[in-house]
Full PDB file with SEQRES, HELIX, SHEET, SSBOND, CRYST1, ORIGX, SCALE, CONECT and MASTER records, all heavy atoms in Angstrom:
SEQRES   1 A   36  PHE PHE GLN PHE MET THR ARG ILE SER ASP SER TYR LEU          
SEQRES   2 A   36  LEU LEU SER VAL GLN GLN VAL PHE ARG ASP THR TRP LYS          
SEQRES   3 A   36  ALA LEU GLN ASP GLU GLN VAL GLY GLY LEU                      
HELIX    1 AA1 PHE A    2  SER A    9  1                                   8    
HELIX    2 AA2 TYR A   12  GLU A   31  1                                  20    
CRYST1    1.000    1.000    1.000  90.00  90.00  90.00 P 1           1          
ORIGX1      1.000000  0.000000  0.000000        0.00000                         
ORIGX2      0.000000  1.000000  0.000000        0.00000                         
ORIGX3      0.000000  0.000000  1.000000        0.00000                         
SCALE1      1.000000  0.000000  0.000000        0.00000                         
SCALE2      0.000000  1.000000  0.000000        0.00000                         
SCALE3      0.000000  0.000000  1.000000        0.00000                         
ATOM      1  N   PHE A   1     113.763 110.717  73.558  1.00  0.00           N  
ATOM      2  CA  PHE A   1     113.642 109.503  74.357  1.00  0.00           C  
ATOM      3  C   PHE A   1     112.172 109.223  74.742  1.00  0.00           C  
ATOM      4  O   PHE A   1     111.637 108.119  74.773  1.00  0.00           O  
ATOM      5  CB  PHE A   1     114.668 109.409  75.454  1.00  0.00           C  
ATOM      6  CG  PHE A   1     114.701 108.056  76.216  1.00  0.00           C  
ATOM      7  CD1 PHE A   1     115.124 106.870  75.546  1.00  0.00           C  
ATOM      8  CD2 PHE A   1     114.133 108.035  77.456  1.00  0.00           C  
ATOM      9  CE1 PHE A   1     115.122 105.691  76.274  1.00  0.00           C  
ATOM     10  CE2 PHE A   1     114.141 106.810  78.180  1.00  0.00           C  
ATOM     11  CZ  PHE A   1     114.610 105.667  77.531  1.00  0.00           C  
ATOM     12  N   PHE A   2     111.511 110.373  75.379  1.00  0.00           N  
ATOM     13  CA  PHE A   2     110.201 110.211  75.909  1.00  0.00           C  
ATOM     14  C   PHE A   2     109.252 109.933  74.759  1.00  0.00           C  
ATOM     15  O   PHE A   2     108.472 109.013  74.934  1.00  0.00           O  
ATOM     16  CB  PHE A   2     109.828 111.527  76.581  1.00  0.00           C  
ATOM     17  CG  PHE A   2     108.398 111.438  77.122  1.00  0.00           C  
ATOM     18  CD1 PHE A   2     108.095 110.825  78.333  1.00  0.00           C  
ATOM     19  CD2 PHE A   2     107.450 112.194  76.411  1.00  0.00           C  
ATOM     20  CE1 PHE A   2     106.877 110.946  78.754  1.00  0.00           C  
ATOM     21  CE2 PHE A   2     106.137 112.177  76.953  1.00  0.00           C  
ATOM     22  CZ  PHE A   2     105.785 111.590  78.066  1.00  0.00           C  
ATOM     23  N   GLN A   3     109.271 110.523  73.579  1.00  0.00           N  
ATOM     24  CA  GLN A   3     108.532 110.218  72.603  1.00  0.00           C  
ATOM     25  C   GLN A   3     108.627 108.901  72.037  1.00  0.00           C  
ATOM     26  O   GLN A   3     107.708 108.183  71.674  1.00  0.00           O  
ATOM     27  CB  GLN A   3     108.711 111.265  71.380  1.00  0.00           C  
ATOM     28  CG  GLN A   3     108.326 112.721  71.698  1.00  0.00           C  
ATOM     29  CD  GLN A   3     106.835 112.832  71.908  1.00  0.00           C  
ATOM     30  OE1 GLN A   3     106.061 112.167  71.308  1.00  0.00           O  
ATOM     31  NE2 GLN A   3     106.427 113.762  72.826  1.00  0.00           N  
ATOM     32  N   PHE A   4     109.891 108.444  71.916  1.00  0.00           N  
ATOM     33  CA  PHE A   4     110.207 107.035  71.463  1.00  0.00           C  
ATOM     34  C   PHE A   4     109.622 106.112  72.430  1.00  0.00           C  
ATOM     35  O   PHE A   4     109.032 105.066  71.937  1.00  0.00           O  
ATOM     36  CB  PHE A   4     111.745 106.929  71.368  1.00  0.00           C  
ATOM     37  CG  PHE A   4     112.151 105.502  70.978  1.00  0.00           C  
ATOM     38  CD1 PHE A   4     111.978 104.979  69.629  1.00  0.00           C  
ATOM     39  CD2 PHE A   4     112.722 104.652  71.875  1.00  0.00           C  
ATOM     40  CE1 PHE A   4     112.377 103.765  69.307  1.00  0.00           C  
ATOM     41  CE2 PHE A   4     113.090 103.352  71.507  1.00  0.00           C  
ATOM     42  CZ  PHE A   4     112.868 102.979  70.355  1.00  0.00           C  
ATOM     43  N   MET A   5     109.808 106.244  73.700  1.00  0.00           N  
ATOM     44  CA  MET A   5     109.332 105.166  74.721  1.00  0.00           C  
ATOM     45  C   MET A   5     107.762 105.188  74.672  1.00  0.00           C  
ATOM     46  O   MET A   5     107.153 104.138  74.878  1.00  0.00           O  
ATOM     47  CB  MET A   5     109.842 105.519  76.096  1.00  0.00           C  
ATOM     48  CG  MET A   5     111.324 105.119  76.149  1.00  0.00           C  
ATOM     49  SD  MET A   5     111.798 103.448  75.725  1.00  0.00           S  
ATOM     50  CE  MET A   5     111.313 102.495  77.081  1.00  0.00           C  
ATOM     51  N   THR A   6     107.226 106.435  74.470  1.00  0.00           N  
ATOM     52  CA  THR A   6     105.675 106.382  74.525  1.00  0.00           C  
ATOM     53  C   THR A   6     105.136 105.703  73.285  1.00  0.00           C  
ATOM     54  O   THR A   6     104.093 104.955  73.366  1.00  0.00           O  
ATOM     55  CB  THR A   6     105.298 107.930  74.384  1.00  0.00           C  
ATOM     56  OG1 THR A   6     105.716 108.534  75.511  1.00  0.00           O  
ATOM     57  CG2 THR A   6     103.773 108.006  74.419  1.00  0.00           C  
ATOM     58  N   ARG A   7     105.801 105.829  72.101  1.00  0.00           N  
ATOM     59  CA  ARG A   7     105.430 105.236  70.893  1.00  0.00           C  
ATOM     60  C   ARG A   7     105.573 103.709  71.001  1.00  0.00           C  
ATOM     61  O   ARG A   7     104.717 102.905  70.433  1.00  0.00           O  
ATOM     62  CB  ARG A   7     105.960 105.778  69.655  1.00  0.00           C  
ATOM     63  CG  ARG A   7     105.475 107.104  69.296  1.00  0.00           C  
ATOM     64  CD  ARG A   7     106.021 107.731  68.028  1.00  0.00           C  
ATOM     65  NE  ARG A   7     105.589 109.003  67.857  1.00  0.00           N  
ATOM     66  CZ  ARG A   7     106.329 109.968  67.226  1.00  0.00           C  
ATOM     67  NH1 ARG A   7     107.548 109.703  66.851  1.00  0.00           N  
ATOM     68  NH2 ARG A   7     105.770 111.181  67.146  1.00  0.00           N  
ATOM     69  N   ILE A   8     106.714 103.329  71.456  1.00  0.00           N  
ATOM     70  CA  ILE A   8     107.069 101.931  71.507  1.00  0.00           C  
ATOM     71  C   ILE A   8     106.406 101.097  72.492  1.00  0.00           C  
ATOM     72  O   ILE A   8     106.054  99.960  72.239  1.00  0.00           O  
ATOM     73  CB  ILE A   8     108.590 101.726  71.517  1.00  0.00           C  
ATOM     74  CG1 ILE A   8     109.199 100.689  70.599  1.00  0.00           C  
ATOM     75  CG2 ILE A   8     109.049 101.424  72.951  1.00  0.00           C  
ATOM     76  CD1 ILE A   8     110.659 100.682  70.478  1.00  0.00           C  
ATOM     77  N   SER A   9     106.154 101.592  73.677  1.00  0.00           N  
ATOM     78  CA  SER A   9     105.633 100.839  74.894  1.00  0.00           C  
ATOM     79  C   SER A   9     104.118 101.042  74.867  1.00  0.00           C  
ATOM     80  O   SER A   9     103.388 100.208  75.383  1.00  0.00           O  
ATOM     81  CB  SER A   9     106.204 101.260  76.126  1.00  0.00           C  
ATOM     82  OG  SER A   9     105.888 102.520  76.489  1.00  0.00           O  
ATOM     83  N   ASP A  10     103.665 102.095  74.443  1.00  0.00           N  
ATOM     84  CA  ASP A  10     102.186 102.370  74.538  1.00  0.00           C  
ATOM     85  C   ASP A  10     101.731 102.376  76.051  1.00  0.00           C  
ATOM     86  O   ASP A  10     100.553 101.916  76.312  1.00  0.00           O  
ATOM     87  CB  ASP A  10     101.342 101.478  73.638  1.00  0.00           C  
ATOM     88  CG  ASP A  10     100.185 102.273  72.936  1.00  0.00           C  
ATOM     89  OD1 ASP A  10     100.212 103.514  72.991  1.00  0.00           O  
ATOM     90  OD2 ASP A  10      99.293 101.539  72.378  1.00  0.00           O  
ATOM     91  N   SER A  11     102.568 102.745  76.883  1.00  0.00           N  
ATOM     92  CA  SER A  11     102.335 102.606  78.367  1.00  0.00           C  
ATOM     93  C   SER A  11     101.185 103.730  78.691  1.00  0.00           C  
ATOM     94  O   SER A  11     101.421 104.986  78.371  1.00  0.00           O  
ATOM     95  CB  SER A  11     103.493 102.986  79.057  1.00  0.00           C  
ATOM     96  OG  SER A  11     103.358 103.195  80.500  1.00  0.00           O  
ATOM     97  N   TYR A  12     100.201 103.327  79.460  1.00  0.00           N  
ATOM     98  CA  TYR A  12      99.181 104.288  79.902  1.00  0.00           C  
ATOM     99  C   TYR A  12      99.778 105.336  80.877  1.00  0.00           C  
ATOM    100  O   TYR A  12      99.397 106.411  81.053  1.00  0.00           O  
ATOM    101  CB  TYR A  12      98.029 103.605  80.436  1.00  0.00           C  
ATOM    102  CG  TYR A  12      98.341 102.839  81.731  1.00  0.00           C  
ATOM    103  CD1 TYR A  12      98.215 103.487  82.933  1.00  0.00           C  
ATOM    104  CD2 TYR A  12      98.693 101.380  81.740  1.00  0.00           C  
ATOM    105  CE1 TYR A  12      98.420 102.805  84.209  1.00  0.00           C  
ATOM    106  CE2 TYR A  12      98.961 100.830  82.968  1.00  0.00           C  
ATOM    107  CZ  TYR A  12      98.818 101.428  84.075  1.00  0.00           C  
ATOM    108  OH  TYR A  12      99.077 100.735  85.238  1.00  0.00           O  
ATOM    109  N   LEU A  13     100.803 104.940  81.517  1.00  0.00           N  
ATOM    110  CA  LEU A  13     101.513 105.787  82.386  1.00  0.00           C  
ATOM    111  C   LEU A  13     102.197 107.032  81.793  1.00  0.00           C  
ATOM    112  O   LEU A  13     102.154 108.247  82.017  1.00  0.00           O  
ATOM    113  CB  LEU A  13     102.518 105.189  83.305  1.00  0.00           C  
ATOM    114  CG  LEU A  13     101.915 104.166  84.247  1.00  0.00           C  
ATOM    115  CD1 LEU A  13     103.036 103.256  84.970  1.00  0.00           C  
ATOM    116  CD2 LEU A  13     101.018 104.731  85.374  1.00  0.00           C  
ATOM    117  N   LEU A  14     102.995 106.676  80.610  1.00  0.00           N  
ATOM    118  CA  LEU A  14     103.588 107.644  79.808  1.00  0.00           C  
ATOM    119  C   LEU A  14     102.669 108.465  79.103  1.00  0.00           C  
ATOM    120  O   LEU A  14     102.832 109.657  78.979  1.00  0.00           O  
ATOM    121  CB  LEU A  14     104.545 107.024  78.832  1.00  0.00           C  
ATOM    122  CG  LEU A  14     105.938 106.609  79.499  1.00  0.00           C  
ATOM    123  CD1 LEU A  14     106.708 105.828  78.395  1.00  0.00           C  
ATOM    124  CD2 LEU A  14     106.593 107.636  80.168  1.00  0.00           C  
ATOM    125  N   LEU A  15     101.482 107.839  78.675  1.00  0.00           N  
ATOM    126  CA  LEU A  15     100.408 108.572  77.955  1.00  0.00           C  
ATOM    127  C   LEU A  15      99.781 109.611  78.870  1.00  0.00           C  
ATOM    128  O   LEU A  15      99.470 110.715  78.365  1.00  0.00           O  
ATOM    129  CB  LEU A  15      99.447 107.715  77.323  1.00  0.00           C  
ATOM    130  CG  LEU A  15     100.005 106.831  76.229  1.00  0.00           C  
ATOM    131  CD1 LEU A  15      98.909 105.803  75.786  1.00  0.00           C  
ATOM    132  CD2 LEU A  15     100.348 107.752  74.964  1.00  0.00           C  
ATOM    133  N   SER A  16      99.560 109.257  80.153  1.00  0.00           N  
ATOM    134  CA  SER A  16      99.099 110.264  81.018  1.00  0.00           C  
ATOM    135  C   SER A  16     100.000 111.497  81.429  1.00  0.00           C  
ATOM    136  O   SER A  16      99.574 112.599  81.367  1.00  0.00           O  
ATOM    137  CB  SER A  16      98.723 109.652  82.430  1.00  0.00           C  
ATOM    138  OG  SER A  16      99.745 109.124  83.014  1.00  0.00           O  
ATOM    139  N   VAL A  17     101.329 111.182  81.394  1.00  0.00           N  
ATOM    140  CA  VAL A  17     102.363 112.284  81.614  1.00  0.00           C  
ATOM    141  C   VAL A  17     102.323 113.191  80.382  1.00  0.00           C  
ATOM    142  O   VAL A  17     102.343 114.320  80.553  1.00  0.00           O  
ATOM    143  CB  VAL A  17     103.719 111.620  81.810  1.00  0.00           C  
ATOM    144  CG1 VAL A  17     104.715 112.728  81.827  1.00  0.00           C  
ATOM    145  CG2 VAL A  17     103.857 110.882  83.096  1.00  0.00           C  
ATOM    146  N   GLN A  18     102.228 112.526  79.137  1.00  0.00           N  
ATOM    147  CA  GLN A  18     102.202 113.291  77.931  1.00  0.00           C  
ATOM    148  C   GLN A  18     100.941 114.268  77.884  1.00  0.00           C  
ATOM    149  O   GLN A  18     101.042 115.318  77.445  1.00  0.00           O  
ATOM    150  CB  GLN A  18     102.294 112.368  76.807  1.00  0.00           C  
ATOM    151  CG  GLN A  18     102.281 112.922  75.428  1.00  0.00           C  
ATOM    152  CD  GLN A  18     102.360 112.050  74.258  1.00  0.00           C  
ATOM    153  OE1 GLN A  18     101.679 110.990  74.311  1.00  0.00           O  
ATOM    154  NE2 GLN A  18     103.121 112.382  73.240  1.00  0.00           N  
ATOM    155  N   GLN A  19      99.764 113.663  78.453  1.00  0.00           N  
ATOM    156  CA  GLN A  19      98.627 114.501  78.279  1.00  0.00           C  
ATOM    157  C   GLN A  19      98.637 115.596  79.306  1.00  0.00           C  
ATOM    158  O   GLN A  19      98.186 116.638  79.023  1.00  0.00           O  
ATOM    159  CB  GLN A  19      97.339 113.525  78.738  1.00  0.00           C  
ATOM    160  CG  GLN A  19      96.101 114.299  78.533  1.00  0.00           C  
ATOM    161  CD  GLN A  19      95.831 114.597  77.073  1.00  0.00           C  
ATOM    162  OE1 GLN A  19      96.226 113.818  76.179  1.00  0.00           O  
ATOM    163  NE2 GLN A  19      95.230 115.737  76.825  1.00  0.00           N  
ATOM    164  N   VAL A  20      99.349 115.415  80.468  1.00  0.00           N  
ATOM    165  CA  VAL A  20      99.611 116.629  81.379  1.00  0.00           C  
ATOM    166  C   VAL A  20     100.420 117.715  80.749  1.00  0.00           C  
ATOM    167  O   VAL A  20     100.046 118.867  80.785  1.00  0.00           O  
ATOM    168  CB  VAL A  20     100.224 116.091  82.729  1.00  0.00           C  
ATOM    169  CG1 VAL A  20     100.686 117.224  83.465  1.00  0.00           C  
ATOM    170  CG2 VAL A  20      99.223 115.273  83.422  1.00  0.00           C  
ATOM    171  N   PHE A  21     101.405 117.349  80.009  1.00  0.00           N  
ATOM    172  CA  PHE A  21     102.176 118.257  79.301  1.00  0.00           C  
ATOM    173  C   PHE A  21     101.457 118.955  78.267  1.00  0.00           C  
ATOM    174  O   PHE A  21     101.556 120.245  78.018  1.00  0.00           O  
ATOM    175  CB  PHE A  21     103.505 117.673  78.804  1.00  0.00           C  
ATOM    176  CG  PHE A  21     104.587 117.351  79.813  1.00  0.00           C  
ATOM    177  CD1 PHE A  21     105.077 116.154  80.078  1.00  0.00           C  
ATOM    178  CD2 PHE A  21     105.088 118.518  80.518  1.00  0.00           C  
ATOM    179  CE1 PHE A  21     105.986 115.967  81.084  1.00  0.00           C  
ATOM    180  CE2 PHE A  21     106.024 118.332  81.525  1.00  0.00           C  
ATOM    181  CZ  PHE A  21     106.560 116.950  81.769  1.00  0.00           C  
ATOM    182  N   ARG A  22     100.653 118.207  77.536  1.00  0.00           N  
ATOM    183  CA  ARG A  22      99.886 118.858  76.525  1.00  0.00           C  
ATOM    184  C   ARG A  22      98.900 119.814  76.993  1.00  0.00           C  
ATOM    185  O   ARG A  22      98.674 120.868  76.359  1.00  0.00           O  
ATOM    186  CB  ARG A  22      99.219 117.743  75.583  1.00  0.00           C  
ATOM    187  CG  ARG A  22     100.092 116.992  74.667  1.00  0.00           C  
ATOM    188  CD  ARG A  22      99.368 116.144  73.775  1.00  0.00           C  
ATOM    189  NE  ARG A  22     100.284 115.440  72.946  1.00  0.00           N  
ATOM    190  CZ  ARG A  22      99.983 114.373  72.214  1.00  0.00           C  
ATOM    191  NH1 ARG A  22      98.751 113.954  72.207  1.00  0.00           N  
ATOM    192  NH2 ARG A  22     100.923 113.754  71.478  1.00  0.00           N  
ATOM    193  N   ASP A  23      98.181 119.522  78.074  1.00  0.00           N  
ATOM    194  CA  ASP A  23      97.225 120.337  78.695  1.00  0.00           C  
ATOM    195  C   ASP A  23      97.835 121.686  79.225  1.00  0.00           C  
ATOM    196  O   ASP A  23      97.269 122.699  79.116  1.00  0.00           O  
ATOM    197  CB  ASP A  23      96.550 119.633  79.791  1.00  0.00           C  
ATOM    198  CG  ASP A  23      95.508 118.518  79.308  1.00  0.00           C  
ATOM    199  OD1 ASP A  23      95.315 118.487  78.048  1.00  0.00           O  
ATOM    200  OD2 ASP A  23      95.156 117.636  80.096  1.00  0.00           O  
ATOM    201  N   THR A  24      99.148 121.460  79.830  1.00  0.00           N  
ATOM    202  CA  THR A  24      99.752 122.728  80.309  1.00  0.00           C  
ATOM    203  C   THR A  24     100.223 123.513  79.185  1.00  0.00           C  
ATOM    204  O   THR A  24     100.135 124.749  79.215  1.00  0.00           O  
ATOM    205  CB  THR A  24     101.028 122.187  81.232  1.00  0.00           C  
ATOM    206  OG1 THR A  24     100.630 121.397  82.199  1.00  0.00           O  
ATOM    207  CG2 THR A  24     101.777 123.442  81.667  1.00  0.00           C  
ATOM    208  N   TRP A  25     100.689 122.911  78.060  1.00  0.00           N  
ATOM    209  CA  TRP A  25     101.156 123.760  76.891  1.00  0.00           C  
ATOM    210  C   TRP A  25      99.985 124.444  76.186  1.00  0.00           C  
ATOM    211  O   TRP A  25     100.010 125.618  75.841  1.00  0.00           O  
ATOM    212  CB  TRP A  25     101.867 122.836  75.969  1.00  0.00           C  
ATOM    213  CG  TRP A  25     102.469 123.660  74.798  1.00  0.00           C  
ATOM    214  CD1 TRP A  25     102.045 123.653  73.485  1.00  0.00           C  
ATOM    215  CD2 TRP A  25     103.437 124.710  74.896  1.00  0.00           C  
ATOM    216  NE1 TRP A  25     102.724 124.493  72.696  1.00  0.00           N  
ATOM    217  CE2 TRP A  25     103.690 125.163  73.572  1.00  0.00           C  
ATOM    218  CE3 TRP A  25     104.333 125.112  75.849  1.00  0.00           C  
ATOM    219  CZ2 TRP A  25     104.645 126.049  73.336  1.00  0.00           C  
ATOM    220  CZ3 TRP A  25     105.223 126.036  75.680  1.00  0.00           C  
ATOM    221  CH2 TRP A  25     105.287 126.586  74.320  1.00  0.00           C  
ATOM    222  N   LYS A  26      98.842 123.776  76.229  1.00  0.00           N  
ATOM    223  CA  LYS A  26      97.640 124.326  75.600  1.00  0.00           C  
ATOM    224  C   LYS A  26      97.122 125.549  76.501  1.00  0.00           C  
ATOM    225  O   LYS A  26      96.799 126.615  75.939  1.00  0.00           O  
ATOM    226  CB  LYS A  26      96.527 123.307  75.479  1.00  0.00           C  
ATOM    227  CG  LYS A  26      95.289 123.917  74.867  1.00  0.00           C  
ATOM    228  CD  LYS A  26      94.435 122.805  74.317  1.00  0.00           C  
ATOM    229  CE  LYS A  26      93.166 123.348  73.617  1.00  0.00           C  
ATOM    230  NZ  LYS A  26      93.076 124.565  73.025  1.00  0.00           N  
ATOM    231  N   ALA A  27      97.248 125.407  77.726  1.00  0.00           N  
ATOM    232  CA  ALA A  27      96.794 126.556  78.664  1.00  0.00           C  
ATOM    233  C   ALA A  27      97.864 127.709  78.475  1.00  0.00           C  
ATOM    234  O   ALA A  27      97.377 128.864  78.481  1.00  0.00           O  
ATOM    235  CB  ALA A  27      96.920 125.999  80.015  1.00  0.00           C  
ATOM    236  N   LEU A  28      99.068 127.415  78.341  1.00  0.00           N  
ATOM    237  CA  LEU A  28     100.069 128.509  78.066  1.00  0.00           C  
ATOM    238  C   LEU A  28      99.716 129.164  76.725  1.00  0.00           C  
ATOM    239  O   LEU A  28      99.864 130.469  76.619  1.00  0.00           O  
ATOM    240  CB  LEU A  28     101.421 128.016  78.150  1.00  0.00           C  
ATOM    241  CG  LEU A  28     101.990 127.623  79.511  1.00  0.00           C  
ATOM    242  CD1 LEU A  28     103.332 126.972  79.372  1.00  0.00           C  
ATOM    243  CD2 LEU A  28     102.065 128.866  80.304  1.00  0.00           C  
ATOM    244  N   GLN A  29      99.420 128.473  75.710  1.00  0.00           N  
ATOM    245  CA  GLN A  29      99.070 129.020  74.361  1.00  0.00           C  
ATOM    246  C   GLN A  29      97.715 129.834  74.467  1.00  0.00           C  
ATOM    247  O   GLN A  29      97.678 130.813  73.793  1.00  0.00           O  
ATOM    248  CB  GLN A  29      98.967 127.955  73.345  1.00  0.00           C  
ATOM    249  CG  GLN A  29     100.385 127.383  72.984  1.00  0.00           C  
ATOM    250  CD  GLN A  29     100.366 126.358  71.978  1.00  0.00           C  
ATOM    251  OE1 GLN A  29      99.259 125.691  71.742  1.00  0.00           O  
ATOM    252  NE2 GLN A  29     101.353 126.133  71.123  1.00  0.00           N  
ATOM    253  N   ASP A  30      96.785 129.317  75.252  1.00  0.00           N  
ATOM    254  CA  ASP A  30      95.549 130.020  75.289  1.00  0.00           C  
ATOM    255  C   ASP A  30      95.713 131.498  75.940  1.00  0.00           C  
ATOM    256  O   ASP A  30      95.142 132.377  75.622  1.00  0.00           O  
ATOM    257  CB  ASP A  30      94.466 129.294  76.122  1.00  0.00           C  
ATOM    258  CG  ASP A  30      94.019 128.101  75.377  1.00  0.00           C  
ATOM    259  OD1 ASP A  30      94.119 127.991  74.139  1.00  0.00           O  
ATOM    260  OD2 ASP A  30      93.394 127.198  76.024  1.00  0.00           O  
ATOM    261  N   GLU A  31      96.720 131.490  76.955  1.00  0.00           N  
ATOM    262  CA  GLU A  31      96.989 132.784  77.531  1.00  0.00           C  
ATOM    263  C   GLU A  31      98.015 133.642  76.686  1.00  0.00           C  
ATOM    264  O   GLU A  31      98.457 134.679  77.095  1.00  0.00           O  
ATOM    265  CB  GLU A  31      97.651 132.550  78.880  1.00  0.00           C  
ATOM    266  CG  GLU A  31      96.649 132.000  79.870  1.00  0.00           C  
ATOM    267  CD  GLU A  31      95.416 132.838  80.184  1.00  0.00           C  
ATOM    268  OE1 GLU A  31      95.634 134.038  80.263  1.00  0.00           O  
ATOM    269  OE2 GLU A  31      94.312 132.336  80.202  1.00  0.00           O  
ATOM    270  N   GLN A  32      98.584 133.041  75.584  1.00  0.00           N  
ATOM    271  CA  GLN A  32      99.357 133.671  74.578  1.00  0.00           C  
ATOM    272  C   GLN A  32     100.673 134.011  75.281  1.00  0.00           C  
ATOM    273  O   GLN A  32     101.283 135.150  75.033  1.00  0.00           O  
ATOM    274  CB  GLN A  32      98.883 135.002  74.004  1.00  0.00           C  
ATOM    275  CG  GLN A  32      97.658 134.540  73.133  1.00  0.00           C  
ATOM    276  CD  GLN A  32      96.995 135.752  72.585  1.00  0.00           C  
ATOM    277  OE1 GLN A  32      97.268 136.963  72.938  1.00  0.00           O  
ATOM    278  NE2 GLN A  32      96.110 135.551  71.684  1.00  0.00           N  
ATOM    279  N   VAL A  33     101.229 133.045  76.089  1.00  0.00           N  
ATOM    280  CA  VAL A  33     102.578 133.304  76.765  1.00  0.00           C  
ATOM    281  C   VAL A  33     103.534 132.173  76.405  1.00  0.00           C  
ATOM    282  O   VAL A  33     104.438 131.951  77.080  1.00  0.00           O  
ATOM    283  CB  VAL A  33     102.473 133.521  78.296  1.00  0.00           C  
ATOM    284  CG1 VAL A  33     101.728 134.793  78.615  1.00  0.00           C  
ATOM    285  CG2 VAL A  33     101.706 132.348  78.921  1.00  0.00           C  
ATOM    286  N   GLY A  34     103.149 131.310  75.453  1.00  0.00           N  
ATOM    287  CA  GLY A  34     103.853 130.131  75.058  1.00  0.00           C  
ATOM    288  C   GLY A  34     105.310 130.501  74.670  1.00  0.00           C  
ATOM    289  O   GLY A  34     106.256 129.969  75.048  1.00  0.00           O  
ATOM    290  N   GLY A  35     105.419 131.535  73.726  1.00  0.00           N  
ATOM    291  CA  GLY A  35     106.765 132.058  73.265  1.00  0.00           C  
ATOM    292  C   GLY A  35     107.617 132.585  74.360  1.00  0.00           C  
ATOM    293  O   GLY A  35     108.875 132.367  74.429  1.00  0.00           O  
ATOM    294  N   LEU A  36     106.967 133.343  75.192  1.00  0.00           N  
ATOM    295  CA  LEU A  36     107.591 133.961  76.413  1.00  0.00           C  
ATOM    296  C   LEU A  36     108.260 132.956  77.280  1.00  0.00           C  
ATOM    297  O   LEU A  36     109.238 133.005  77.894  1.00  0.00           O  
ATOM    298  CB  LEU A  36     106.723 134.920  77.145  1.00  0.00           C  
ATOM    299  CG  LEU A  36     107.292 135.718  78.240  1.00  0.00           C  
ATOM    300  CD1 LEU A  36     108.441 136.624  77.797  1.00  0.00           C  
ATOM    301  CD2 LEU A  36     106.290 136.562  78.903  1.00  0.00           C  
TER     302      LEU A  36                                                      
MASTER        0    0    0    2    0    0    0    6  301    1    0    3          
END                                                                             
């Protein structure tokens, strides 16, 4: 639902929330604890 609403509405608020999650996930992958 989040992905659908982000694509359909192109809301800058949802895009910023998505960017926060991507940055967090990238930091977890850089530390190699994503799978854990």
